Protein backbone atom coordinates (compact mmCIF):
# COMPACT_ATOMS: atom_id res chain seq x y z
CA MET A 1 0.00 0.00 0.00
CA VAL A 2 2.81 2.39 0.90
CA GLN A 3 4.64 1.56 -2.32
CA LYS A 4 1.52 2.28 -4.40
CA THR A 5 1.05 5.62 -2.63
CA VAL A 6 4.68 6.62 -3.31
CA ILE A 7 4.34 5.64 -6.96
CA CYS A 8 1.16 7.75 -7.31
CA LEU A 9 2.81 10.79 -5.71
CA LEU A 10 5.86 10.45 -7.96
CA ALA A 11 3.63 10.20 -11.00
CA LEU A 12 1.78 13.30 -9.88
CA GLY A 13 5.01 15.28 -9.40
CA VAL A 14 6.49 14.14 -12.70
CA GLY A 15 3.26 14.98 -14.52
CA ILE A 16 3.13 18.50 -13.10
CA LEU A 17 6.82 19.43 -13.30
CA PHE A 18 7.79 17.57 -16.46
CA PRO A 19 4.74 17.16 -18.69
CA PRO A 20 5.23 14.94 -21.73
CA SER A 21 5.09 17.75 -24.30
CA ARG A 22 4.76 21.37 -23.39
CA ALA A 23 4.58 22.27 -27.05
CA GLY A 24 1.25 20.50 -27.23
CA ALA A 25 -1.84 20.71 -25.04
CA TRP A 26 -1.38 19.48 -21.49
CA SER A 27 -3.67 19.91 -18.51
CA ALA A 28 -2.55 19.23 -14.94
CA GLY A 29 -4.43 22.14 -13.42
CA PRO A 30 -4.27 23.94 -11.23
CA GLY A 31 -0.59 23.00 -11.12
CA PHE A 32 0.24 23.34 -14.81
CA ALA A 33 -1.88 23.73 -17.94
CA HIS A 34 -0.88 24.48 -21.53
CA PHE A 35 -3.70 24.62 -24.07
CA PRO A 36 -4.81 26.25 -27.33
CA LEU A 37 -6.92 29.39 -27.18
CA THR A 38 -10.59 28.91 -27.97
CA LEU A 39 -11.63 32.24 -29.46
CA THR A 40 -8.54 32.87 -31.60
CA GLU A 41 -5.36 31.21 -32.83
CA GLY A 42 -2.70 30.89 -30.14
CA THR A 43 -1.75 29.15 -26.91
CA ARG A 44 -1.96 29.87 -23.20
CA THR A 45 -0.02 28.54 -20.22
CA GLU A 46 -1.22 28.71 -16.60
CA ILE A 47 0.87 27.61 -13.61
CA LEU A 48 -0.19 27.32 -9.96
CA GLY A 49 -3.77 28.31 -10.59
CA PRO A 50 -4.12 32.07 -11.02
CA LEU A 51 -0.55 32.90 -9.98
CA PHE A 52 1.11 32.76 -13.42
CA GLN A 53 -0.15 32.95 -16.98
CA SER A 54 1.31 33.56 -20.41
CA GLU A 55 -0.37 33.88 -23.78
CA GLN A 56 0.78 33.95 -27.39
CA ARG A 57 -1.33 34.76 -30.44
CA ASP A 58 -0.31 36.14 -33.84
CA GLU A 59 1.74 39.28 -33.15
CA PHE A 60 0.71 39.50 -29.49
CA ARG A 61 2.52 38.19 -26.39
CA GLN A 62 1.67 38.69 -22.73
CA TRP A 63 2.46 37.28 -19.30
CA ALA A 64 1.11 37.99 -15.82
CA VAL A 65 1.77 37.18 -12.17
CA PRO A 66 -1.59 38.32 -10.74
CA PRO A 67 -1.99 40.62 -8.95
CA VAL A 68 1.68 41.64 -8.75
CA CYS A 69 2.63 42.48 -12.31
CA SER A 70 1.90 41.81 -15.97
CA ALA A 71 3.15 42.83 -19.42
CA GLY A 72 1.99 42.68 -23.01
CA ARG A 73 3.57 43.34 -26.40
CA THR A 74 2.08 43.74 -29.86
CA THR A 75 4.83 43.47 -32.46
CA GLU A 76 2.91 44.74 -35.47
CA ALA A 77 1.75 47.94 -33.74
CA ASP A 78 5.03 48.31 -31.78
CA ARG A 79 3.04 48.55 -28.57
CA VAL A 80 4.25 47.58 -25.05
CA ASP A 81 2.48 47.90 -21.71
CA PHE A 82 3.43 46.91 -18.15
CA ASP A 83 1.47 46.98 -14.87
CA LEU A 84 2.81 46.71 -11.33
CA LEU A 85 0.15 46.26 -8.64
CA TYR A 86 -2.36 47.82 -11.04
CA PRO A 87 -3.43 50.61 -10.85
CA VAL A 88 -0.46 51.64 -8.68
CA LEU A 89 2.11 51.74 -11.49
CA THR A 90 1.60 51.45 -15.25
CA TYR A 91 3.78 51.85 -18.32
CA ASP A 92 2.48 52.20 -21.88
CA ARG A 93 4.38 52.73 -25.11
CA ILE A 94 3.10 53.01 -28.67
CA GLY A 95 5.92 53.64 -31.12
CA SER A 96 7.89 56.57 -29.74
CA GLU A 97 5.11 57.67 -27.35
CA SER A 98 5.53 56.40 -23.78
CA ARG A 99 4.17 57.12 -20.31
CA TRP A 100 4.90 55.95 -16.76
CA GLN A 101 2.51 56.78 -13.92
CA ILE A 102 2.34 56.01 -10.21
CA LEU A 103 -1.13 56.42 -8.68
CA GLN A 104 -1.80 59.17 -11.25
CA LEU A 105 0.36 61.45 -9.05
CA PHE A 106 3.84 60.75 -10.46
CA SER A 107 4.13 60.47 -14.25
CA TRP A 108 6.84 60.48 -16.91
CA ALA A 109 5.89 60.85 -20.56
CA GLY A 110 7.86 61.17 -23.77
CA GLY A 111 7.47 61.04 -27.51
CA GLU A 112 7.60 62.98 -30.75
CA ASP A 113 5.20 65.49 -32.24
CA GLN A 114 4.10 65.57 -35.90
CA ALA A 115 7.27 67.46 -36.81
CA GLY A 116 9.47 64.78 -35.19
CA ALA A 117 10.54 66.91 -32.21
CA ALA A 118 11.05 64.84 -29.06
CA THR A 119 9.54 65.91 -25.73
CA ARG A 120 9.72 64.50 -22.20
CA ARG A 121 7.33 65.26 -19.35
CA PHE A 122 7.57 64.69 -15.61
CA THR A 123 4.69 65.34 -13.21
CA LEU A 124 4.44 65.14 -9.44
CA PHE A 125 0.77 66.07 -9.23
CA PRO A 126 -0.20 68.68 -8.12
CA LEU A 127 3.17 70.07 -6.97
CA TYR A 128 5.67 69.84 -9.82
CA PHE A 129 5.35 69.93 -13.63
CA GLN A 130 8.20 69.80 -16.13
CA GLN A 131 8.67 69.43 -19.89
CA ARG A 132 11.90 69.29 -21.88
CA GLY A 133 12.31 68.77 -25.60
CA ASP A 134 13.95 69.65 -28.88
CA GLN A 135 11.98 72.90 -29.08
CA PRO A 136 13.20 75.16 -26.23
CA GLU A 137 10.20 77.49 -26.60
CA GLU A 138 7.93 74.61 -25.54
CA ASN A 139 9.89 73.79 -22.36
CA TYR A 140 8.35 74.67 -19.02
CA THR A 141 8.76 74.19 -15.25
CA ALA A 142 6.16 74.78 -12.55
CA LEU A 143 6.42 74.41 -8.77
CA PHE A 144 2.89 74.85 -7.47
CA PRO A 145 1.82 77.13 -5.83
CA LEU A 146 5.05 79.17 -5.84
CA TYR A 147 5.94 79.89 -9.44
CA GLY A 148 5.79 78.35 -12.85
CA GLN A 149 4.60 78.03 -16.41
CA LEU A 150 2.75 75.20 -18.20
CA ARG A 151 1.90 74.63 -21.86
CA ASN A 152 -0.98 72.58 -23.26
CA ARG A 153 -2.11 71.36 -19.85
CA PHE A 154 -5.50 71.48 -18.12
CA PHE A 155 -7.38 72.51 -21.29
CA ARG A 156 -5.29 75.67 -21.69
CA ASP A 157 -2.63 76.55 -24.24
CA GLU A 158 -0.53 78.29 -21.58
CA ILE A 159 -0.69 78.83 -17.80
CA ARG A 160 1.53 81.11 -15.68
CA PHE A 161 1.28 81.70 -11.93
CA VAL A 162 3.09 83.37 -9.03
CA LEU A 163 2.11 82.51 -5.45
CA PHE A 164 -1.18 81.06 -6.61
CA PRO A 165 -3.95 82.16 -6.02
CA ALA A 166 -2.34 85.60 -5.75
CA TYR A 167 -1.73 85.81 -9.51
CA SER A 168 -2.20 83.52 -12.49
CA GLN A 169 -2.52 83.99 -16.24
CA THR A 170 -4.10 81.57 -18.70
CA ARG A 171 -4.30 81.59 -22.48
CA LYS A 172 -6.65 79.64 -24.72
CA GLN A 173 -6.10 80.47 -28.37
CA GLU A 174 -6.17 84.28 -28.46
CA VAL A 175 -8.01 84.83 -25.17
CA VAL A 176 -5.80 85.78 -22.19
CA THR A 177 -7.19 85.87 -18.63
CA HIS A 178 -5.35 87.56 -15.74
CA ASN A 179 -6.50 86.27 -12.33
CA TYR A 180 -5.88 88.08 -9.03
CA LEU A 181 -6.74 86.19 -5.82
CA TYR A 182 -8.41 83.55 -7.98
CA PRO A 183 -11.39 83.35 -8.45
CA LEU A 184 -12.28 86.76 -7.01
CA PHE A 185 -10.80 89.13 -9.61
CA HIS A 186 -9.96 88.65 -13.25
CA ARG A 187 -9.34 90.68 -16.39
CA ARG A 188 -9.81 89.08 -19.82
CA GLU A 189 -8.66 90.25 -23.23
CA GLY A 190 -8.40 88.93 -26.75
CA GLU A 191 -9.21 89.74 -30.36
CA GLY A 192 -12.29 91.92 -30.10
CA LEU A 193 -12.82 90.83 -26.45
CA ARG A 194 -12.68 92.76 -23.19
CA GLY A 195 -13.98 91.83 -19.76
CA TRP A 196 -13.42 91.93 -16.03
CA GLN A 197 -15.06 90.71 -12.80
CA CYS A 198 -15.06 91.30 -9.08
CA TRP A 199 -16.75 88.09 -8.01
CA PRO A 200 -19.43 87.79 -6.67
CA LEU A 201 -20.27 91.53 -6.85
CA TYR A 202 -20.08 92.39 -10.54
CA GLY A 203 -18.66 91.11 -13.80
CA THR A 204 -18.93 92.01 -17.47
CA GLU A 205 -17.50 90.77 -20.78
CA TYR A 206 -17.98 91.95 -24.37
CA LYS A 207 -16.79 90.46 -27.65
CA THR A 208 -17.36 91.80 -31.15
CA THR A 209 -17.96 89.62 -34.20
CA THR A 210 -14.61 88.66 -35.78
CA VAL A 211 -13.34 86.48 -38.62
CA ARG A 212 -10.42 84.09 -38.89
CA THR A 213 -8.87 81.62 -41.34
CA ASN A 214 -9.09 78.00 -40.19
CA THR A 215 -6.68 75.13 -40.88
CA TRP A 216 -8.34 74.49 -44.28
CA ASP A 217 -7.73 78.14 -45.29
CA ASP A 218 -11.44 78.89 -45.11
CA VAL A 219 -12.60 82.18 -43.63
CA GLU A 220 -15.07 81.62 -40.79
CA THR A 221 -17.06 84.04 -38.64
CA LEU A 222 -16.65 83.98 -34.87
CA PRO A 223 -19.86 85.25 -33.23
CA GLY A 224 -19.80 87.94 -30.59
CA HIS A 225 -21.31 87.94 -27.11
CA GLU A 226 -22.06 90.14 -24.13
CA LYS A 227 -22.23 88.87 -20.54
CA ARG A 228 -22.74 90.43 -17.12
CA PHE A 229 -23.69 89.47 -13.56
CA VAL A 230 -24.58 91.40 -10.42
CA LEU A 231 -24.36 89.72 -7.00
CA TRP A 232 -23.79 86.32 -8.60
CA PRO A 233 -25.91 84.21 -8.93
CA LEU A 234 -28.83 86.54 -8.22
CA TYR A 235 -28.75 88.46 -11.51
CA LEU A 236 -27.22 87.17 -14.74
CA GLU A 237 -27.67 88.26 -18.36
CA GLN A 238 -26.07 87.04 -21.59
CA TRP A 239 -26.38 87.78 -25.31
CA LEU A 240 -24.79 84.96 -27.28
CA ARG A 241 -24.07 84.30 -30.98
CA LEU A 242 -24.28 87.97 -31.83
CA GLY A 243 -23.78 88.75 -35.50
CA THR A 244 -25.38 85.46 -36.60
CA GLU A 245 -28.88 84.48 -37.67
CA GLN A 246 -29.47 82.63 -34.39
CA PRO A 247 -28.73 85.04 -31.50
CA GLU A 248 -29.66 84.03 -27.93
CA HIS A 249 -30.66 86.10 -24.93
CA HIS A 250 -30.51 84.71 -21.38
CA GLN A 251 -31.63 86.54 -18.27
CA ALA A 252 -32.12 85.41 -14.67
CA LEU A 253 -33.23 87.20 -11.51
CA LEU A 254 -33.09 84.36 -9.02
CA PRO A 255 -35.15 82.95 -7.48
CA PHE A 256 -37.96 84.86 -9.22
CA TYR A 257 -37.44 83.98 -12.89
CA SER A 258 -35.03 83.01 -15.64
CA TYR A 259 -35.61 82.86 -19.38
CA THR A 260 -33.97 82.08 -22.73
CA ARG A 261 -35.06 83.63 -26.03
CA SER A 262 -33.80 82.70 -29.49
CA PRO A 263 -35.28 82.04 -32.94
CA GLN A 264 -35.06 78.28 -32.24
CA ARG A 265 -36.08 78.04 -28.59
CA ASP A 266 -37.93 79.89 -25.82
CA SER A 267 -37.81 78.73 -22.20
CA THR A 268 -39.03 80.45 -19.02
CA THR A 269 -38.75 79.37 -15.39
CA TYR A 270 -40.73 80.97 -12.57
CA LEU A 271 -39.57 80.63 -8.94
CA TRP A 272 -36.38 78.77 -9.81
CA PRO A 273 -35.45 76.00 -9.04
CA LEU A 274 -38.71 74.53 -7.66
CA GLY A 275 -41.22 76.44 -9.73
CA LEU A 276 -42.71 76.12 -13.20
CA THR A 277 -40.69 75.80 -16.43
CA LEU A 278 -42.27 76.29 -19.87
CA THR A 279 -40.27 75.48 -23.02
CA GLU A 280 -41.10 75.73 -26.72
CA ASP A 281 -38.42 74.29 -28.99
CA ARG A 282 -39.17 75.32 -32.58
CA GLU A 283 -36.04 73.67 -33.96
CA ARG A 284 -36.83 70.21 -32.52
CA HIS A 285 -40.61 70.71 -32.63
CA TYR A 286 -41.87 70.07 -29.11
CA ARG A 287 -43.35 71.85 -26.08
CA GLU A 288 -42.35 70.98 -22.52
CA VAL A 289 -43.74 71.71 -19.04
CA GLY A 290 -41.72 71.06 -15.87
CA ALA A 291 -43.02 71.62 -12.32
CA PRO A 292 -40.41 71.48 -10.90
CA TRP A 293 -37.94 70.69 -13.68
CA PRO A 294 -36.27 68.17 -14.00
CA PHE A 295 -38.27 66.04 -11.53
CA ILE A 296 -41.75 66.38 -13.04
CA VAL A 297 -41.66 66.94 -16.79
CA PHE A 298 -44.10 66.45 -19.67
CA ALA A 299 -43.13 67.17 -23.30
CA ARG A 300 -45.08 66.59 -26.49
CA GLY A 301 -44.23 67.08 -30.13
CA PRO A 302 -42.75 65.38 -33.21
CA GLY A 303 -39.22 65.97 -31.92
CA LYS A 304 -39.59 64.77 -28.33
CA THR A 305 -41.99 62.91 -26.04
CA THR A 306 -41.41 62.92 -22.28
CA SER A 307 -43.45 61.84 -19.25
CA ARG A 308 -41.45 61.91 -16.02
CA VAL A 309 -42.39 61.90 -12.35
CA TRP A 310 -39.06 61.18 -10.67
CA PRO A 311 -38.32 58.77 -9.00
CA LEU A 312 -41.59 56.92 -9.71
CA PHE A 313 -41.49 56.57 -13.49
CA GLY A 314 -40.17 58.21 -16.62
CA HIS A 315 -40.32 57.87 -20.39
CA ALA A 316 -38.48 60.06 -22.93
CA ALA A 317 -38.05 59.47 -26.64
CA ASN A 318 -37.15 61.14 -29.91
CA ALA A 319 -36.17 59.89 -33.35
CA HIS A 320 -32.92 58.30 -32.10
CA LEU A 321 -33.04 58.02 -28.28
CA GLN A 322 -35.31 56.37 -25.74
CA SER A 323 -35.00 56.38 -21.95
CA ASP A 324 -37.33 54.72 -19.41
CA PHE A 325 -37.20 54.11 -15.67
CA TYR A 326 -39.45 52.81 -12.90
CA LEU A 327 -38.74 53.42 -9.22
CA TRP A 328 -35.34 54.83 -10.13
CA PRO A 329 -32.77 53.27 -9.81
CA VAL A 330 -34.61 49.94 -9.58
CA TYR A 331 -35.23 49.71 -13.34
CA LYS A 332 -33.54 51.72 -16.12
CA TYR A 333 -33.72 51.24 -19.91
CA ASN A 334 -31.90 53.16 -22.65
CA ARG A 335 -31.89 52.79 -26.41
CA LEU A 336 -29.81 54.51 -29.11
CA GLN A 337 -30.66 54.12 -32.79
CA SER A 338 -27.91 55.59 -34.93
CA ALA A 339 -27.61 53.70 -38.20
CA PRO A 340 -26.14 51.21 -38.63
CA LEU A 341 -26.03 50.59 -34.84
CA ASP A 342 -29.06 49.87 -32.65
CA ARG A 343 -28.01 49.71 -28.98
CA GLU A 344 -30.17 48.79 -25.97
CA ARG A 345 -29.22 48.66 -22.31
CA THR A 346 -31.29 47.43 -19.35
CA ARG A 347 -30.13 47.93 -15.76
CA LEU A 348 -31.42 47.01 -12.32
CA LEU A 349 -30.12 48.90 -9.28
CA PHE A 350 -27.29 50.63 -11.19
CA PHE A 351 -24.80 47.79 -11.82
CA LEU A 352 -26.45 44.93 -9.95
CA TYR A 353 -27.79 43.65 -13.27
CA SER A 354 -26.92 45.01 -16.69
CA ARG A 355 -27.69 43.75 -20.18
CA VAL A 356 -26.47 45.44 -23.39
CA ASN A 357 -27.68 44.39 -26.85
CA GLU A 358 -26.11 45.86 -29.99
CA HIS A 359 -27.51 45.15 -33.44
CA HIS A 360 -25.77 46.07 -36.68
CA THR A 361 -28.75 46.75 -38.94
CA GLU A 362 -26.79 46.31 -42.19
CA THR A 363 -24.97 43.04 -41.48
CA GLN A 364 -27.56 41.78 -38.93
CA ALA A 365 -24.68 40.90 -36.60
CA ARG A 366 -25.37 41.12 -32.87
CA ARG A 367 -23.21 41.77 -29.82
CA GLN A 368 -24.34 41.21 -26.25
CA SER A 369 -23.04 41.59 -22.72
CA THR A 370 -24.79 40.50 -19.51
CA ASP A 371 -23.56 41.18 -15.98
CA LEU A 372 -24.91 40.15 -12.59
CA TRP A 373 -22.64 41.85 -10.09
CA PRO A 374 -20.58 40.35 -8.51
CA LEU A 375 -21.52 36.84 -9.65
CA PHE A 376 -20.89 36.60 -13.38
CA THR A 377 -20.25 38.33 -16.68
CA HIS A 378 -21.20 37.06 -20.13
CA ARG A 379 -19.94 38.42 -23.46
CA ARG A 380 -20.96 37.68 -27.06
CA ASP A 381 -19.20 39.50 -29.92
CA PHE A 382 -20.39 40.29 -33.44
CA GLU A 383 -18.82 37.04 -34.72
CA GLY A 384 -20.95 34.99 -32.30
CA ASN A 385 -18.08 34.05 -29.96
CA THR A 386 -19.12 33.82 -26.31
CA ARG A 387 -17.30 33.97 -22.99
CA VAL A 388 -18.69 33.42 -19.47
CA GLN A 389 -16.93 34.09 -16.16
CA TRP A 390 -18.14 33.39 -12.63
CA LEU A 391 -17.21 35.62 -10.19
CA ALA A 392 -16.80 39.14 -11.55
CA PRO A 393 -16.60 41.83 -8.84
CA LEU A 394 -14.86 44.47 -11.02
CA GLU A 395 -15.60 43.55 -14.64
CA PRO A 396 -19.19 44.93 -14.68
CA LEU A 397 -17.97 48.23 -13.19
CA VAL A 398 -15.06 48.76 -15.61
CA PRO A 399 -15.89 46.66 -18.70
CA ASN A 400 -13.28 45.88 -21.36
CA ASN A 401 -10.41 46.98 -19.13
CA LYS A 402 -7.43 44.89 -20.24
CA SER A 403 -5.47 45.57 -17.06
CA ILE A 404 -8.32 44.38 -14.84
CA GLU A 405 -8.76 41.26 -16.99
CA ARG A 406 -5.04 40.49 -16.89
CA ASN A 407 -4.09 41.41 -13.31
CA TRP A 408 -7.20 40.72 -11.26
CA SER A 409 -9.72 38.57 -13.12
CA PRO A 410 -7.63 35.36 -12.85
CA LEU A 411 -7.78 35.56 -9.03
CA TRP A 412 -11.55 35.19 -8.77
CA SER A 413 -12.63 33.59 -12.07
CA LEU A 414 -13.74 30.29 -10.55
CA TRP A 415 -15.52 29.17 -13.73
CA ARG A 416 -14.66 30.12 -17.30
CA ALA A 417 -16.38 28.99 -20.47
CA GLU A 418 -15.68 30.03 -24.07
CA ARG A 419 -17.12 29.04 -27.43
CA ASN A 420 -15.90 29.87 -30.94
CA ALA A 421 -18.89 30.20 -33.27
CA LYS A 422 -16.80 29.84 -36.43
CA THR A 423 -14.79 26.72 -35.56
CA GLY A 424 -17.21 25.14 -33.08
CA ALA A 425 -14.43 24.85 -30.48
CA ALA A 426 -15.38 25.26 -26.81
CA SER A 427 -13.65 25.10 -23.45
CA GLN A 428 -14.67 25.09 -19.78
CA SER A 429 -12.47 25.53 -16.72
CA LEU A 430 -13.40 25.11 -13.04
CA LEU A 431 -11.18 26.27 -10.17
CA TRP A 432 -8.20 27.25 -12.32
CA ASN A 433 -8.25 24.09 -14.45
CA LEU A 434 -8.81 21.68 -11.57
CA TYR A 435 -11.42 20.45 -14.03
CA ARG A 436 -10.93 21.36 -17.68
CA GLN A 437 -12.75 20.32 -20.84
CA GLU A 438 -11.92 21.19 -24.45
CA THR A 439 -14.11 20.20 -27.39
CA THR A 440 -14.07 20.62 -31.14
CA PRO A 441 -16.41 19.09 -33.72
CA GLU A 442 -13.98 16.13 -33.92
CA THR A 443 -12.44 15.84 -30.44
CA ARG A 444 -13.16 16.05 -26.74
CA LYS A 445 -10.63 16.25 -23.89
CA ARG A 446 -11.23 16.26 -20.14
CA SER A 447 -8.81 16.58 -17.25
CA PHE A 448 -9.46 16.56 -13.49
CA LEU A 449 -7.45 16.99 -10.29
CA PHE A 450 -3.92 17.88 -11.51
CA GLY A 451 -4.45 15.67 -14.52
CA LEU A 452 -4.78 12.52 -12.40
CA VAL A 453 -7.92 11.67 -14.34
CA GLN A 454 -7.86 12.30 -18.10
CA HIS A 455 -10.20 11.33 -20.88
CA GLU A 456 -9.83 12.00 -24.60
CA PHE A 457 -11.99 11.14 -27.57
CA ASP A 458 -11.41 11.64 -31.30
CA SER A 459 -11.91 9.77 -34.56
CA HIS A 460 -9.35 7.17 -33.47
CA GLY A 461 -11.25 6.24 -30.35
CA ARG A 462 -11.22 6.83 -26.62
CA ARG A 463 -8.15 7.08 -24.41
CA CYS A 464 -8.08 7.28 -20.62
CA ARG A 465 -5.32 7.96 -18.11
CA LEU A 466 -5.43 7.47 -14.36
CA PHE A 467 -2.52 8.84 -12.31
CA TYR A 468 -0.86 9.61 -15.69
CA LEU A 469 -0.86 5.89 -16.54
CA PRO A 470 -2.68 4.82 -19.73
CA LEU A 471 -5.64 2.50 -19.24
CA GLY A 472 -5.78 1.46 -22.86
CA ARG A 473 -7.60 2.63 -25.96
CA ARG A 474 -11.05 1.75 -27.24
CA PRO A 475 -12.00 2.45 -30.86
CA ALA A 476 -14.92 4.82 -31.37
CA SER A 477 -18.06 3.41 -32.86
CA ALA A 478 -19.37 4.99 -36.06
CA ASP A 479 -22.63 5.96 -34.36
CA TYR A 480 -20.77 7.70 -31.52
CA VAL A 481 -18.51 9.60 -33.91
CA SER A 482 -21.47 10.68 -36.02
CA GLY A 483 -23.48 11.74 -32.97
CA HIS A 484 -20.57 13.65 -31.46
CA ARG A 485 -20.09 15.59 -34.64
């Protein structure tokens, strides 16, 4: 008895550490498993359950030691990415463009612009910002809040500051804003534009109609505007799109009234924000009543239909969009029809249950995703390939995130199932390949408990192994082969 036990343990160790052919498929999970991919051409290796994995397909290679680190490389696109304790540290490179980041606070970035000039960025958010490159005029250094200059950051072409918020200057295209004790005082200037404010007491800004030549050498008109406020937000008034055929006038004396007037749309609110809102949209052809908007709203017209009593129920629709809810957020439904895509989404309690259906109206192809947080996620692509995973605590919240799928999903994916609609191949894995099954129209393979129990069937017959020892082969009957196919 002791001798038999020793022999079995030796067979188990040899099978896990030195499988017969690692170039071919081999399953001794969760110790070691090497198998072909189901949904695409390639192979995958998994060792010690979820603790190591590697994958090769076409021009793509990746490996991972979840959740510590992982890396991927796409040769054709010259793309490399690396994660360390994601999302703590990440590295991404596409061609000459690269970026390191640590908790989105520290970051290093480099690359070349369209002219081929190299630049390198370093950021210690929000304290230190630096850029160096082949164009000295684009270099900058900023030590916040003491002194500095930035270019093409935070949606501005240029930012300068000294002892912020004492003084700062921003530029966006031709508009320059000087801030003093931000946001209390500012002075703004540009082509045809002048303005200033002493917030919240008074502010005014005026811009004339100007013209400019765009990147296609076409002359375009830039509309003017006039804005002012007194004791913000009690009184506000704006004239927008001046010099065009569609000027707008906005005025508000809160909380008594606010209104918008334009050739396309009129809207008036009395006793804002809990009073009555009346809207007539002549461009989209509908009339709307809200009391108070946006909680109780009714709109009727060819361009829009809305019935909403939040949070009890709601229905809104136009030619392309539809939105419904009942006992928000218990039930929520959205639909977008934008040819050739027809997309529907149904949700229960935010992300507890979510189902997305996408229909390509020209090719009639369909894509679907179903999530029941945190139990499972199911995906079906336009080619008909499907993938199911049980447990999925993060995947429904951040779908299609390659770093989550590579660094974290292996740790809790207790059950995985995939099916290739084109080839008919399918695979199932339980507890990191403790049980694994792979099928094609011609073959079927099963493995259980570190490969101690294996069964294989193909056109040549059935083969079984117990403790890695063959138990013989039995030819397949014609009826069985025909039925399996």
